[in-house]
Structures are given as structure tokens and as C-alpha cells.
Amino acid sequence: MLPLGDPRGGDTTHGGTAARDRALDQLEAARADLVPAARAIAVELGAGGASVTSPQVLVELRKRGWGAELDAVDLRFMGAVFRAGWERVGWVTGKASPGSHARPVAVWRRK
């Protein structure tokens, strides 16, 4: 696991947080079907203090029949899934983050 800092260089200063929150609000509204389903799966996977990543949730969504919906949307909606009640505890890359094309993926744990 990588250190806790954001390896993507995200800007949370100078309005970055407000812009991010607006974008997440829009994603949540636009994907009102997928976000709650993904959240429920994330909570299941994170039971007992287990860590969870977006790729893990996406794999489980596909197993549960959401494949066609996932194929039709931009997967950035997953940012809205972990926006409340979760804390980022690190990052993974490579084989530890399947489907991410070796990009860093946040590791989350329930607060």
C-alpha cells in the first residue's frame, strides 16, 4: 500500500473542495440507481473494518447483474460512493487494483 497522501496531486485548496463537492452531487443525482447499490456493496465488503477499493465494488456490482449499466456510464460515479462515512487509509497500484490500468486506487475503511 502506498502512503496516505494523494499520489494523483488532487487540489483541495482554492475552491478545489467546493468544486469536488459540486461534481459529486451531480454524479450522485445522475447515477441515482448505481450509487446506492454500490454503497450497499461497499458497506458489505467493509464489514468488520475490512478495507475496500472501487475496483472491488465494481467487480461485485457486475456479479450482481449491473454489468450493462456499468458499461453504459462513466465509472467516475464511484467517487460519490465513498464520500461520506469512509476514510481513505492508503493507496494501491498494479495487481492490487485490477481494472485501474496501474493507476493508484484509494483504499477505504468505514469511519
C-alpha atoms as a PDB file:
ATOM      1  CA  MET A   1       0.000   0.000   0.000  1.00  0.00           C
ATOM      2  CA  LEU A   2       1.229   3.484  -0.843  1.00  0.00           C
ATOM      3  CA  PRO A   3       1.419   6.343   1.697  1.00  0.00           C
ATOM      4  CA  LEU A   4      -1.772   8.154   2.636  1.00  0.00           C
ATOM      5  CA  GLY A   5      -1.086  11.343   0.638  1.00  0.00           C
ATOM      6  CA  ASP A   6      -2.805  11.753  -2.736  1.00  0.00           C
ATOM      7  CA  PRO A   7      -0.463  10.456  -5.469  1.00  0.00           C
ATOM      8  CA  ARG A   8      -2.763  11.978  -8.096  1.00  0.00           C
ATOM      9  CA  GLY A   9      -1.989  15.502  -6.891  1.00  0.00           C
ATOM     10  CA  GLY A  10      -5.625  16.455  -6.238  1.00  0.00           C
ATOM     11  CA  ASP A  11      -6.273  20.098  -5.357  1.00  0.00           C
ATOM     12  CA  THR A  12      -8.335  20.606  -2.220  1.00  0.00           C
ATOM     13  CA  THR A  13      -7.357  24.257  -1.868  1.00  0.00           C
ATOM     14  CA  HIS A  14      -8.563  27.399  -3.606  1.00  0.00           C
ATOM     15  CA  GLY A  15     -12.055  26.111  -4.269  1.00  0.00           C
ATOM     16  CA  GLY A  16     -10.987  22.559  -5.135  1.00  0.00           C
ATOM     17  CA  THR A  17     -13.076  21.091  -2.310  1.00  0.00           C
ATOM     18  CA  ALA A  18     -16.200  23.045  -3.275  1.00  0.00           C
ATOM     19  CA  ALA A  19     -15.799  22.111  -6.935  1.00  0.00           C
ATOM     20  CA  ARG A  20     -15.292  18.466  -5.994  1.00  0.00           C
ATOM     21  CA  ASP A  21     -18.407  18.502  -3.813  1.00  0.00           C
ATOM     22  CA  ARG A  22     -20.495  20.006  -6.631  1.00  0.00           C
ATOM     23  CA  ALA A  23     -19.200  17.370  -9.050  1.00  0.00           C
ATOM     24  CA  LEU A  24     -20.009  14.568  -6.599  1.00  0.00           C
ATOM     25  CA  ASP A  25     -23.511  15.998  -6.080  1.00  0.00           C
ATOM     26  CA  GLN A  26     -24.051  15.914  -9.835  1.00  0.00           C
ATOM     27  CA  LEU A  27     -22.703  12.362 -10.138  1.00  0.00           C
ATOM     28  CA  GLU A  28     -24.908  11.163  -7.313  1.00  0.00           C
ATOM     29  CA  ALA A  29     -28.007  12.688  -8.923  1.00  0.00           C
ATOM     30  CA  ALA A  30     -27.152  11.397 -12.397  1.00  0.00           C
ATOM     31  CA  ARG A  31     -26.484   7.852 -11.163  1.00  0.00           C
ATOM     32  CA  ALA A  32     -29.259   7.631  -8.582  1.00  0.00           C
ATOM     33  CA  ASP A  33     -29.641   3.913  -9.337  1.00  0.00           C
ATOM     34  CA  LEU A  34     -25.981   2.875  -9.211  1.00  0.00           C
ATOM     35  CA  VAL A  35     -24.652   4.940  -6.304  1.00  0.00           C
ATOM     36  CA  PRO A  36     -26.923   3.397  -3.623  1.00  0.00           C
ATOM     37  CA  ALA A  37     -26.292  -0.121  -4.957  1.00  0.00           C
ATOM     38  CA  ALA A  38     -22.537   0.467  -4.961  1.00  0.00           C
ATOM     39  CA  ARG A  39     -22.676   1.995  -1.458  1.00  0.00           C
ATOM     40  CA  ALA A  40     -24.539  -1.027  -0.105  1.00  0.00           C
ATOM     41  CA  ILE A  41     -21.926  -3.349  -1.590  1.00  0.00           C
ATOM     42  CA  ALA A  42     -19.081  -1.213  -0.215  1.00  0.00           C
ATOM     43  CA  VAL A  43     -20.638  -1.392   3.254  1.00  0.00           C
ATOM     44  CA  GLU A  44     -20.926  -5.184   2.938  1.00  0.00           C
ATOM     45  CA  LEU A  45     -17.330  -5.532   1.791  1.00  0.00           C
ATOM     46  CA  GLY A  46     -16.141  -3.180   4.532  1.00  0.00           C
ATOM     47  CA  ALA A  47     -17.921  -5.014   7.346  1.00  0.00           C
ATOM     48  CA  GLY A  48     -15.787  -5.679  10.388  1.00  0.00           C
ATOM     49  CA  GLY A  49     -13.275  -2.987   9.500  1.00  0.00           C
ATOM     50  CA  ALA A  50     -12.160  -4.524   6.198  1.00  0.00           C
ATOM     51  CA  SER A  51     -10.682  -2.181   3.616  1.00  0.00           C
ATOM     52  CA  VAL A  52     -12.443  -1.618   0.284  1.00  0.00           C
ATOM     53  CA  THR A  53     -11.474  -0.260  -3.139  1.00  0.00           C
ATOM     54  CA  SER A  54     -13.596   0.948  -6.041  1.00  0.00           C
ATOM     55  CA  PRO A  55     -12.472  -1.943  -8.278  1.00  0.00           C
ATOM     56  CA  GLN A  56     -13.656  -4.437  -5.651  1.00  0.00           C
ATOM     57  CA  VAL A  57     -17.085  -2.791  -5.566  1.00  0.00           C
ATOM     58  CA  LEU A  58     -17.272  -2.707  -9.380  1.00  0.00           C
ATOM     59  CA  VAL A  59     -16.464  -6.431  -9.606  1.00  0.00           C
ATOM     60  CA  GLU A  60     -19.242  -7.188  -7.145  1.00  0.00           C
ATOM     61  CA  LEU A  61     -21.716  -4.912  -8.971  1.00  0.00           C
ATOM     62  CA  ARG A  62     -21.066  -6.902 -12.157  1.00  0.00           C
ATOM     63  CA  LYS A  63     -21.564 -10.192 -10.319  1.00  0.00           C
ATOM     64  CA  ARG A  64     -24.938  -8.911  -9.127  1.00  0.00           C
ATOM     65  CA  GLY A  65     -26.200  -8.045 -12.587  1.00  0.00           C
ATOM     66  CA  TRP A  66     -25.248  -4.372 -13.019  1.00  0.00           C
ATOM     67  CA  GLY A  67     -22.868  -5.034 -15.931  1.00  0.00           C
ATOM     68  CA  ALA A  68     -24.975  -3.410 -18.653  1.00  0.00           C
ATOM     69  CA  GLU A  69     -25.463  -0.269 -16.556  1.00  0.00           C
ATOM     70  CA  LEU A  70     -21.745  -0.075 -15.762  1.00  0.00           C
ATOM     71  CA  ASP A  71     -20.839  -0.459 -19.434  1.00  0.00           C
ATOM     72  CA  ALA A  72     -23.097   2.493 -20.289  1.00  0.00           C
ATOM     73  CA  VAL A  73     -21.704   5.033 -17.793  1.00  0.00           C
ATOM     74  CA  ASP A  74     -18.504   6.796 -16.803  1.00  0.00           C
ATOM     75  CA  LEU A  75     -17.195   4.949 -13.756  1.00  0.00           C
ATOM     76  CA  ARG A  76     -16.199   8.167 -12.014  1.00  0.00           C
ATOM     77  CA  PHE A  77     -19.574   7.941 -10.263  1.00  0.00           C
ATOM     78  CA  MET A  78     -17.700   5.754  -7.758  1.00  0.00           C
ATOM     79  CA  GLY A  79     -16.318   8.933  -6.196  1.00  0.00           C
ATOM     80  CA  ALA A  80     -19.762   9.561  -4.759  1.00  0.00           C
ATOM     81  CA  VAL A  81     -19.904   6.097  -3.183  1.00  0.00           C
ATOM     82  CA  PHE A  82     -17.148   6.770  -0.644  1.00  0.00           C
ATOM     83  CA  ARG A  83     -17.878  10.416   0.010  1.00  0.00           C
ATOM     84  CA  ALA A  84     -19.424  10.094   3.496  1.00  0.00           C
ATOM     85  CA  GLY A  85     -18.799   7.666   6.337  1.00  0.00           C
ATOM     86  CA  TRP A  86     -15.481   6.445   4.923  1.00  0.00           C
ATOM     87  CA  GLU A  87     -11.851   7.381   5.453  1.00  0.00           C
ATOM     88  CA  ARG A  88      -9.064   6.893   2.964  1.00  0.00           C
ATOM     89  CA  VAL A  89      -6.411   4.726   4.593  1.00  0.00           C
ATOM     90  CA  GLY A  90      -3.972   4.388   1.698  1.00  0.00           C
ATOM     91  CA  TRP A  91      -3.468   3.614  -1.976  1.00  0.00           C
ATOM     92  CA  VAL A  92      -2.789   0.511  -4.052  1.00  0.00           C
ATOM     93  CA  THR A  93      -1.497   0.077  -7.599  1.00  0.00           C
ATOM     94  CA  GLY A  94      -0.762  -2.678 -10.076  1.00  0.00           C
ATOM     95  CA  LYS A  95      -2.171  -6.140  -9.425  1.00  0.00           C
ATOM     96  CA  ALA A  96      -3.702  -4.926  -6.176  1.00  0.00           C
ATOM     97  CA  SER A  97      -6.018  -2.636  -8.162  1.00  0.00           C
ATOM     98  CA  PRO A  98      -7.426  -4.721 -11.048  1.00  0.00           C
ATOM     99  CA  GLY A  99      -9.020  -2.722 -13.832  1.00  0.00           C
ATOM    100  CA  SER A 100      -7.261   0.511 -12.887  1.00  0.00           C
ATOM    101  CA  HIS A 101      -4.574   0.302 -15.591  1.00  0.00           C
ATOM    102  CA  ALA A 102      -1.905   0.548 -12.865  1.00  0.00           C
ATOM    103  CA  ARG A 103      -3.219   3.916 -11.667  1.00  0.00           C
ATOM    104  CA  PRO A 104      -3.303   4.493  -7.908  1.00  0.00           C
ATOM    105  CA  VAL A 105      -6.606   3.470  -6.332  1.00  0.00           C
ATOM    106  CA  ALA A 106      -7.741   4.705  -2.925  1.00  0.00           C
ATOM    107  CA  VAL A 107      -8.230   2.176  -0.141  1.00  0.00           C
ATOM    108  CA  TRP A 108     -11.195   2.996   2.101  1.00  0.00           C
ATOM    109  CA  ARG A 109     -12.373   1.919   5.549  1.00  0.00           C
ATOM    110  CA  ARG A 110     -15.624   2.768   7.345  1.00  0.00           C
ATOM    111  CA  LYS A 111     -15.313   5.511   9.977  1.00  0.00           C
END
